[in-house]
Structure formats: structure tokens, C-alpha cells
Amino acid sequence: MNNTLILDNTTIKTDSAGRYCLNDLHKAAGGEPNHQPAFFLRREETAELMVELSNSADSQSYQPVISNAGRYGGTYVCMELAYAYTMWL
């Protein structure tokens, strides 16, 4: 699935499951250190949302969050978490 999204001249990458790259969203939002995806993912509210998404029938076949290390890695999240991240910003 390829959902090309461009925000403020920044292309937001997606993975094969249609998850959005939080690192790209962070960059498009200005890249402030206190808005890093890691801080968002550590929040109690985010953890609760991830549990709910993991337990939903729609997401039984894939993980709502996946992180890939390395130069071309990143943290990819489902659309619901991408929305939650942008609202948190």
C-alpha cells in the first residue's frame, strides 16, 4: 500500500502495511527536540491507545507500531497513532 503524503515539503514515508513514518512527521512539524517520536511513544495515553489498537479486530494481522533501526530505519505507526501524534504536537 502506498499512501504518499507530503507536509510542508516533507514526504512522509509509508511502509508496506500503510503505516506512516513518525520521524518524517516530526521533521515536517519543525523537528523540535521535545516533540521527538520517542517522547510521544512513552506517554501513558499512547501506550493505552497502542493496547486498544493491538486488541482490535482490524489490527490482528499487523502491528500498529514497528521500529526499524539504522540509517534508513524509522518508527512507523498506523493511521490512528499518526493522528494522535500530530494532535500531540
N, C-alpha and C. Protein backbone atom coordinates (compact mmCIF):
# COMPACT_ATOMS: atom_id res chain seq x y z
N MET A 1 0.85 -1.17 0.00
CA MET A 1 0.00 0.00 0.00
C MET A 1 0.90 1.23 0.00
N ASN A 2 0.65 2.17 -0.88
CA ASN A 2 1.47 3.36 -0.96
C ASN A 2 0.59 4.58 -0.84
N ASN A 3 0.61 5.22 0.32
CA ASN A 3 -0.15 6.44 0.58
C ASN A 3 0.83 7.60 0.65
N THR A 4 1.10 8.24 -0.47
CA THR A 4 2.04 9.34 -0.47
C THR A 4 1.40 10.55 0.20
N LEU A 5 2.11 11.05 1.19
CA LEU A 5 1.65 12.21 1.94
C LEU A 5 2.81 13.19 2.00
N ILE A 6 2.55 14.45 1.66
CA ILE A 6 3.58 15.48 1.70
C ILE A 6 3.08 16.61 2.59
N LEU A 7 3.87 16.92 3.62
CA LEU A 7 3.55 18.01 4.55
C LEU A 7 4.72 18.97 4.59
N ASP A 8 4.46 20.22 4.32
CA ASP A 8 5.49 21.26 4.38
C ASP A 8 6.74 20.83 3.62
N ASN A 9 6.53 20.36 2.40
CA ASN A 9 7.60 19.91 1.50
C ASN A 9 8.38 18.71 2.03
N THR A 10 7.84 17.98 2.99
CA THR A 10 8.46 16.78 3.52
C THR A 10 7.59 15.59 3.14
N THR A 11 8.17 14.63 2.45
CA THR A 11 7.44 13.42 2.10
C THR A 11 7.39 12.51 3.32
N ILE A 12 6.20 12.10 3.68
CA ILE A 12 6.01 11.19 4.81
C ILE A 12 5.99 9.77 4.23
N LYS A 13 7.03 9.01 4.54
CA LYS A 13 7.13 7.66 4.02
C LYS A 13 6.10 6.75 4.68
N THR A 14 5.71 5.71 3.94
CA THR A 14 4.86 4.67 4.47
C THR A 14 5.53 3.32 4.21
N ASP A 15 5.20 2.34 5.03
CA ASP A 15 5.74 1.01 4.80
C ASP A 15 4.73 0.17 4.03
N SER A 16 5.05 -1.09 3.83
CA SER A 16 4.19 -1.96 3.03
C SER A 16 2.82 -2.20 3.65
N ALA A 17 2.69 -1.99 4.96
CA ALA A 17 1.40 -2.15 5.64
C ALA A 17 0.61 -0.85 5.71
N GLY A 18 1.16 0.24 5.16
CA GLY A 18 0.47 1.52 5.16
C GLY A 18 0.71 2.36 6.40
N ARG A 19 1.66 1.95 7.25
CA ARG A 19 1.99 2.73 8.45
C ARG A 19 2.81 3.95 8.05
N TYR A 20 2.63 5.04 8.78
CA TYR A 20 3.31 6.31 8.49
C TYR A 20 4.56 6.46 9.35
N CYS A 21 5.57 7.11 8.80
CA CYS A 21 6.84 7.29 9.49
C CYS A 21 6.75 8.49 10.45
N LEU A 22 6.83 8.21 11.76
CA LEU A 22 6.78 9.28 12.76
C LEU A 22 7.98 10.22 12.63
N ASN A 23 9.12 9.69 12.23
CA ASN A 23 10.31 10.52 12.09
C ASN A 23 10.09 11.59 11.02
N ASP A 24 9.43 11.22 9.93
CA ASP A 24 9.12 12.19 8.88
C ASP A 24 8.10 13.21 9.36
N LEU A 25 7.09 12.76 10.12
CA LEU A 25 6.10 13.70 10.67
C LEU A 25 6.78 14.69 11.62
N HIS A 26 7.71 14.20 12.42
CA HIS A 26 8.47 15.06 13.33
C HIS A 26 9.24 16.12 12.55
N LYS A 27 9.89 15.70 11.50
CA LYS A 27 10.66 16.63 10.66
C LYS A 27 9.74 17.68 10.04
N ALA A 28 8.59 17.25 9.51
CA ALA A 28 7.65 18.17 8.88
C ALA A 28 7.08 19.18 9.87
N ALA A 29 6.99 18.78 11.15
CA ALA A 29 6.44 19.65 12.19
C ALA A 29 7.48 20.61 12.77
N GLY A 30 8.69 20.58 12.27
CA GLY A 30 9.71 21.51 12.73
C GLY A 30 10.88 20.85 13.44
N GLY A 31 10.73 19.58 13.80
CA GLY A 31 11.84 18.84 14.38
C GLY A 31 12.29 19.27 15.76
N GLU A 32 11.41 19.87 16.54
CA GLU A 32 11.80 20.31 17.88
C GLU A 32 12.16 19.12 18.75
N PRO A 33 13.23 19.23 19.53
CA PRO A 33 13.67 18.11 20.36
C PRO A 33 12.61 17.57 21.32
N ASN A 34 11.78 18.45 21.86
CA ASN A 34 10.77 17.98 22.82
C ASN A 34 9.56 17.33 22.15
N HIS A 35 9.55 17.28 20.82
CA HIS A 35 8.48 16.63 20.08
C HIS A 35 8.94 15.34 19.41
N GLN A 36 10.03 14.78 19.87
CA GLN A 36 10.55 13.55 19.28
C GLN A 36 9.54 12.42 19.41
N PRO A 37 9.46 11.55 18.41
CA PRO A 37 8.53 10.43 18.48
C PRO A 37 8.72 9.56 19.73
N ALA A 38 9.93 9.41 20.19
CA ALA A 38 10.18 8.58 21.38
C ALA A 38 9.43 9.12 22.59
N PHE A 39 9.35 10.43 22.73
CA PHE A 39 8.63 11.02 23.87
C PHE A 39 7.13 10.73 23.76
N PHE A 40 6.61 10.82 22.55
CA PHE A 40 5.20 10.52 22.31
C PHE A 40 4.90 9.06 22.64
N LEU A 41 5.77 8.17 22.20
CA LEU A 41 5.54 6.74 22.40
C LEU A 41 5.64 6.32 23.87
N ARG A 42 6.32 7.10 24.70
CA ARG A 42 6.48 6.80 26.12
C ARG A 42 5.29 7.27 26.97
N ARG A 43 4.43 8.06 26.40
CA ARG A 43 3.29 8.58 27.16
C ARG A 43 2.33 7.46 27.53
N GLU A 44 1.74 7.57 28.69
CA GLU A 44 0.77 6.57 29.17
C GLU A 44 -0.43 6.49 28.22
N GLU A 45 -0.91 7.64 27.76
CA GLU A 45 -2.06 7.66 26.86
C GLU A 45 -1.75 6.95 25.54
N THR A 46 -0.54 7.12 25.06
CA THR A 46 -0.14 6.46 23.82
C THR A 46 -0.07 4.95 24.03
N ALA A 47 0.50 4.54 25.16
CA ALA A 47 0.60 3.10 25.46
C ALA A 47 -0.80 2.48 25.53
N GLU A 48 -1.74 3.18 26.15
CA GLU A 48 -3.11 2.67 26.24
C GLU A 48 -3.75 2.56 24.86
N LEU A 49 -3.51 3.55 24.01
CA LEU A 49 -4.05 3.52 22.66
C LEU A 49 -3.44 2.36 21.87
N MET A 50 -2.15 2.12 22.03
CA MET A 50 -1.50 1.01 21.33
C MET A 50 -2.08 -0.33 21.76
N VAL A 51 -2.39 -0.48 23.04
CA VAL A 51 -3.01 -1.72 23.52
C VAL A 51 -4.38 -1.90 22.88
N GLU A 52 -5.18 -0.83 22.86
CA GLU A 52 -6.51 -0.91 22.25
C GLU A 52 -6.41 -1.26 20.76
N LEU A 53 -5.48 -0.65 20.08
CA LEU A 53 -5.32 -0.93 18.65
C LEU A 53 -4.85 -2.36 18.43
N SER A 54 -3.97 -2.85 19.27
CA SER A 54 -3.48 -4.22 19.14
C SER A 54 -4.58 -5.23 19.38
N ASN A 55 -5.54 -4.88 20.23
CA ASN A 55 -6.64 -5.79 20.55
C ASN A 55 -7.82 -5.69 19.59
N SER A 56 -7.81 -4.69 18.72
CA SER A 56 -8.94 -4.52 17.81
C SER A 56 -8.90 -5.56 16.70
N ALA A 57 -10.05 -5.92 16.22
CA ALA A 57 -10.15 -6.93 15.16
C ALA A 57 -9.46 -6.47 13.88
N ASP A 58 -9.47 -5.15 13.62
CA ASP A 58 -8.88 -4.63 12.38
C ASP A 58 -7.37 -4.78 12.35
N SER A 59 -6.71 -4.81 13.50
CA SER A 59 -5.26 -4.83 13.50
C SER A 59 -4.68 -6.17 13.94
N GLN A 60 -5.48 -7.20 13.96
CA GLN A 60 -4.98 -8.51 14.38
C GLN A 60 -3.92 -9.04 13.41
N SER A 61 -3.93 -8.59 12.18
CA SER A 61 -2.99 -9.12 11.19
C SER A 61 -1.70 -8.30 11.07
N TYR A 62 -1.58 -7.18 11.77
CA TYR A 62 -0.35 -6.39 11.72
C TYR A 62 -0.16 -5.62 13.02
N GLN A 63 1.04 -5.16 13.24
CA GLN A 63 1.35 -4.39 14.44
C GLN A 63 1.08 -2.92 14.18
N PRO A 64 0.48 -2.19 15.14
CA PRO A 64 0.22 -0.76 14.94
C PRO A 64 1.50 0.08 14.95
N VAL A 65 2.57 -0.44 15.60
CA VAL A 65 3.85 0.28 15.67
C VAL A 65 4.97 -0.68 15.35
N ILE A 66 5.90 -0.22 14.51
CA ILE A 66 7.09 -1.01 14.22
C ILE A 66 8.26 -0.04 14.08
N SER A 67 9.39 -0.39 14.68
CA SER A 67 10.59 0.44 14.59
C SER A 67 11.69 -0.33 13.89
N ASN A 68 12.36 0.35 12.98
CA ASN A 68 13.48 -0.22 12.25
C ASN A 68 14.71 0.61 12.57
N ALA A 69 15.75 -0.03 13.06
CA ALA A 69 16.99 0.68 13.39
C ALA A 69 17.82 0.92 12.14
N GLY A 70 18.74 1.83 12.26
CA GLY A 70 19.68 2.05 11.17
C GLY A 70 19.43 3.34 10.41
N ARG A 71 20.31 3.57 9.47
CA ARG A 71 20.30 4.82 8.71
C ARG A 71 18.98 5.05 7.97
N TYR A 72 18.41 4.00 7.41
CA TYR A 72 17.18 4.15 6.65
C TYR A 72 15.97 3.60 7.42
N GLY A 73 16.12 3.49 8.71
CA GLY A 73 15.04 2.99 9.55
C GLY A 73 14.08 4.08 9.94
N GLY A 74 13.34 3.83 10.98
CA GLY A 74 12.39 4.79 11.48
C GLY A 74 11.29 4.09 12.24
N THR A 75 10.42 4.87 12.83
CA THR A 75 9.29 4.33 13.55
C THR A 75 8.05 4.56 12.72
N TYR A 76 7.37 3.47 12.40
CA TYR A 76 6.18 3.52 11.57
C TYR A 76 4.97 3.15 12.40
N VAL A 77 3.91 3.94 12.25
CA VAL A 77 2.70 3.73 13.04
C VAL A 77 1.47 3.73 12.14
N CYS A 78 0.41 3.09 12.64
CA CYS A 78 -0.85 3.07 11.90
C CYS A 78 -1.44 4.49 11.86
N MET A 79 -2.45 4.66 11.05
CA MET A 79 -3.05 5.97 10.85
C MET A 79 -3.57 6.58 12.15
N GLU A 80 -4.18 5.76 13.01
CA GLU A 80 -4.73 6.27 14.26
C GLU A 80 -3.63 6.86 15.15
N LEU A 81 -2.48 6.19 15.21
CA LEU A 81 -1.36 6.71 16.00
C LEU A 81 -0.72 7.91 15.33
N ALA A 82 -0.71 7.94 14.01
CA ALA A 82 -0.19 9.12 13.31
C ALA A 82 -1.05 10.34 13.63
N TYR A 83 -2.38 10.16 13.64
CA TYR A 83 -3.28 11.25 14.02
C TYR A 83 -3.02 11.67 15.47
N ALA A 84 -2.88 10.70 16.35
CA ALA A 84 -2.65 11.02 17.77
C ALA A 84 -1.33 11.79 17.93
N TYR A 85 -0.32 11.40 17.19
CA TYR A 85 0.97 12.10 17.26
C TYR A 85 0.83 13.55 16.78
N THR A 86 0.15 13.75 15.67
CA THR A 86 0.02 15.12 15.17
C THR A 86 -0.82 15.98 16.10
N MET A 87 -1.82 15.39 16.76
CA MET A 87 -2.60 16.16 17.74
C MET A 87 -1.76 16.47 18.98
N TRP A 88 -0.87 15.56 19.37
CA TRP A 88 0.01 15.77 20.49
C TRP A 88 0.97 16.92 20.22
N LEU A 89 1.40 17.04 18.96
CA LEU A 89 2.32 18.12 18.60
C LEU A 89 1.64 19.47 18.83
